[in-house]
Amino acid sequence: MASSAGPATTPIGPRRVGLFASVAAITIVADQLTKWWAIERLEGREPIELIGDLLGLRFVLNPGAALGTAAGYTIVLTLIAIAVTITLIVIAPRLRDAWWAVGLGLFLGGAVGNLIDRLLREPAFLRGHVVDFIDYAGFFVGNVADIALTLAAVVIIWRSWRGHRFDGTRETA
């Protein structure tokens, strides 16, 4: 007689929802804690050089997107972040590739980290400014969420280029 006590497994491997959720949660916490630190230690103060002119700390409230673009579209950026968040949560149960779980977890964590600012910070709900504080040679100022989004893009492009799909299947030539 066959036992049905164990969980059913699929031929393409275990689901990676836990990894996805853990990476997202760690990213959100790290982002929010570093933003709290930046507000407490950097707001209203002179920039701090860390590696000459290459890397420093400078407090900025950013109403726009990357590189300060789309400053007049804060509500649109907020709605896009909400849509991305919902989409990632909906597809998470189909994740079976560990690297995709990490990449999409970083993407969700970065999106939610900045979304929290847009929802809860001044000047108003849905129009809040994002706390940025990592100054990259004066080129732009970012935060931990931005780093997570960049790493997510690298992982997603790499896995796609290698033919690995998020559901654990592979593209064939």
Protein backbone atom coordinates (compact mmCIF):
# COMPACT_ATOMS: atom_id res chain seq x y z
CA MET A 1 0.00 0.00 0.00
CA ALA A 2 1.41 3.41 -1.01
CA SER A 3 1.86 6.09 1.61
CA SER A 4 0.41 9.54 1.04
CA ALA A 5 2.03 11.11 4.09
CA GLY A 6 4.73 13.05 2.23
CA PRO A 7 4.25 16.18 0.11
CA ALA A 8 3.86 15.77 -3.63
CA THR A 9 6.91 16.71 -5.63
CA THR A 10 7.05 17.92 -9.18
CA PRO A 11 9.54 16.66 -11.73
CA ILE A 12 11.12 20.10 -12.03
CA GLY A 13 12.07 20.46 -8.37
CA PRO A 14 10.84 22.18 -5.24
CA ARG A 15 9.12 25.50 -5.17
CA ARG A 16 11.26 28.44 -4.08
CA VAL A 17 8.65 30.67 -2.48
CA GLY A 18 10.42 30.63 0.90
CA LEU A 19 13.71 31.75 -0.63
CA PHE A 20 11.91 34.45 -2.63
CA ALA A 21 10.05 35.72 0.46
CA SER A 22 13.17 35.61 2.67
CA VAL A 23 15.28 37.59 0.20
CA ALA A 24 12.48 40.15 -0.22
CA ALA A 25 11.98 40.51 3.54
CA ILE A 26 15.71 40.90 4.27
CA THR A 27 15.99 43.48 1.51
CA ILE A 28 13.03 45.50 2.79
CA VAL A 29 14.31 45.47 6.37
CA ALA A 30 17.86 46.43 5.31
CA ASP A 31 16.52 49.21 3.10
CA GLN A 32 14.24 50.68 5.75
CA LEU A 33 16.84 50.44 8.52
CA THR A 34 19.48 52.18 6.41
CA LYS A 35 16.99 54.88 5.42
CA TRP A 36 16.14 55.40 9.09
CA TRP A 37 19.87 55.68 9.81
CA ALA A 38 20.33 58.16 6.95
CA ILE A 39 17.53 60.37 8.25
CA GLU A 40 18.95 60.29 11.78
CA ARG A 41 22.63 60.79 10.87
CA LEU A 42 22.76 62.55 7.49
CA GLU A 43 19.74 64.82 7.09
CA GLY A 44 20.74 68.46 7.31
CA ARG A 45 24.46 67.67 7.38
CA GLU A 46 27.29 68.06 4.91
CA PRO A 47 28.08 65.09 2.61
CA ILE A 48 30.63 62.56 3.86
CA GLU A 49 33.37 61.26 1.57
CA LEU A 50 34.03 57.54 1.92
CA ILE A 51 36.29 56.81 -1.06
CA GLY A 52 37.44 60.21 -2.27
CA ASP A 53 35.04 61.59 -4.85
CA LEU A 54 33.97 58.08 -5.94
CA LEU A 55 31.65 57.11 -3.10
CA GLY A 56 30.09 59.09 -0.32
CA LEU A 57 27.05 59.69 1.82
CA ARG A 58 24.67 62.54 1.03
CA PHE A 59 21.06 62.86 2.15
CA VAL A 60 18.54 63.46 -0.65
CA LEU A 61 14.76 63.19 -0.84
CA ASN A 62 13.96 62.00 -4.35
CA PRO A 63 10.45 62.59 -5.77
CA GLY A 64 11.33 60.80 -9.01
CA ALA A 65 12.82 57.59 -10.31
CA ALA A 66 16.42 56.60 -11.05
CA LEU A 67 18.77 59.52 -11.62
CA GLY A 68 16.03 61.90 -10.52
CA THR A 69 13.97 61.34 -13.66
CA ALA A 70 10.15 61.50 -13.74
CA ALA A 71 9.95 63.77 -10.68
CA GLY A 72 6.53 65.01 -11.80
CA TYR A 73 5.13 61.48 -12.02
CA THR A 74 5.40 60.29 -8.43
CA ILE A 75 1.84 58.92 -8.34
CA VAL A 76 2.41 57.01 -11.60
CA LEU A 77 5.67 55.57 -10.23
CA THR A 78 3.84 54.54 -7.06
CA LEU A 79 1.06 52.80 -9.02
CA ILE A 80 3.65 50.99 -11.16
CA ALA A 81 5.43 49.79 -8.01
CA ILE A 82 2.12 48.49 -6.63
CA ALA A 83 1.42 46.64 -9.90
CA VAL A 84 4.93 45.12 -9.92
CA THR A 85 4.53 44.03 -6.29
CA ILE A 86 1.21 42.31 -6.99
CA THR A 87 2.58 40.62 -10.12
CA LEU A 88 5.64 39.25 -8.30
CA ILE A 89 3.51 37.91 -5.46
CA VAL A 90 1.13 36.23 -7.94
CA ILE A 91 3.94 34.45 -9.84
CA ALA A 92 5.92 33.49 -6.71
CA PRO A 93 4.18 30.11 -6.23
CA ARG A 94 5.46 29.03 -9.67
CA LEU A 95 9.12 29.75 -8.80
CA ARG A 96 11.29 26.66 -8.99
CA ASP A 97 14.68 28.08 -9.93
CA ALA A 98 16.72 29.24 -6.92
CA TRP A 99 18.47 32.04 -8.79
CA TRP A 100 15.18 33.36 -10.16
CA ALA A 101 13.83 33.26 -6.58
CA VAL A 102 16.79 35.35 -5.42
CA GLY A 103 16.51 37.76 -8.36
CA LEU A 104 12.77 38.26 -8.05
CA GLY A 105 13.07 38.47 -4.24
CA LEU A 106 15.60 41.28 -4.67
CA PHE A 107 13.27 42.93 -7.20
CA LEU A 108 10.29 42.70 -4.84
CA GLY A 109 12.34 43.90 -1.86
CA GLY A 110 13.70 46.87 -3.80
CA ALA A 111 10.32 47.80 -5.23
CA VAL A 112 8.59 47.55 -1.84
CA GLY A 113 11.42 49.39 -0.06
CA ASN A 114 10.95 52.43 -2.27
CA LEU A 115 7.15 51.95 -2.35
CA ILE A 116 7.02 52.31 1.43
CA ASP A 117 8.64 55.73 1.06
CA ARG A 118 6.20 56.75 -1.67
CA LEU A 119 3.23 55.67 0.43
CA LEU A 120 4.28 56.95 3.86
CA ARG A 121 6.74 59.84 3.52
CA GLU A 122 6.14 63.53 2.91
CA PRO A 123 4.73 65.33 1.08
CA ALA A 124 1.65 63.05 0.87
CA PHE A 125 0.29 59.52 0.50
CA LEU A 126 1.19 58.10 -2.96
CA ARG A 127 3.51 61.09 -3.51
CA GLY A 128 6.15 60.54 -0.86
CA HIS A 129 9.79 61.17 -1.63
CA VAL A 130 12.29 58.31 -1.52
CA VAL A 131 15.21 58.60 0.91
CA ASP A 132 18.50 58.34 -1.01
CA PHE A 133 21.90 58.62 0.65
CA ILE A 134 24.59 56.64 -1.22
CA ASP A 135 26.38 59.12 -3.51
CA TYR A 136 28.08 57.53 -6.50
CA ALA A 137 30.69 60.08 -7.61
CA GLY A 138 28.04 62.78 -7.91
CA PHE A 139 26.48 60.84 -10.81
CA PHE A 140 23.47 59.80 -8.75
CA VAL A 141 22.41 59.18 -5.18
CA GLY A 142 20.67 55.91 -4.32
CA ASN A 143 19.77 53.56 -1.50
CA VAL A 144 19.76 49.86 -0.59
CA ALA A 145 16.51 49.29 -2.54
CA ASP A 146 18.24 50.63 -5.66
CA ILE A 147 21.17 48.28 -5.14
CA ALA A 148 18.72 45.37 -4.80
CA LEU A 149 16.92 46.38 -8.01
CA THR A 150 20.24 46.55 -9.86
CA LEU A 151 21.35 43.14 -8.56
CA ALA A 152 17.91 41.75 -9.46
CA ALA A 153 18.32 42.97 -13.04
CA VAL A 154 21.73 41.30 -13.29
CA VAL A 155 20.42 37.97 -11.97
CA ILE A 156 17.31 38.04 -14.18
CA ILE A 157 19.29 38.91 -17.32
CA TRP A 158 21.88 36.23 -16.52
CA ARG A 159 19.28 33.50 -15.94
CA SER A 160 17.35 34.51 -19.06
CA TRP A 161 20.52 34.60 -21.15
CA ARG A 162 21.41 31.09 -19.91
CA GLY A 163 17.94 29.86 -20.92
CA HIS A 164 16.64 29.23 -17.40
CA ARG A 165 13.01 30.12 -16.78
CA PHE A 166 11.65 31.04 -13.37
CA ASP A 167 9.48 27.91 -13.31
CA GLY A 168 12.57 25.67 -13.48
CA THR A 169 12.28 24.77 -17.14
CA ARG A 170 14.93 25.52 -19.76
CA GLU A 171 14.61 26.95 -23.20
CA THR A 172 15.80 24.63 -25.92
CA ALA A 173 17.62 25.76 -29.04
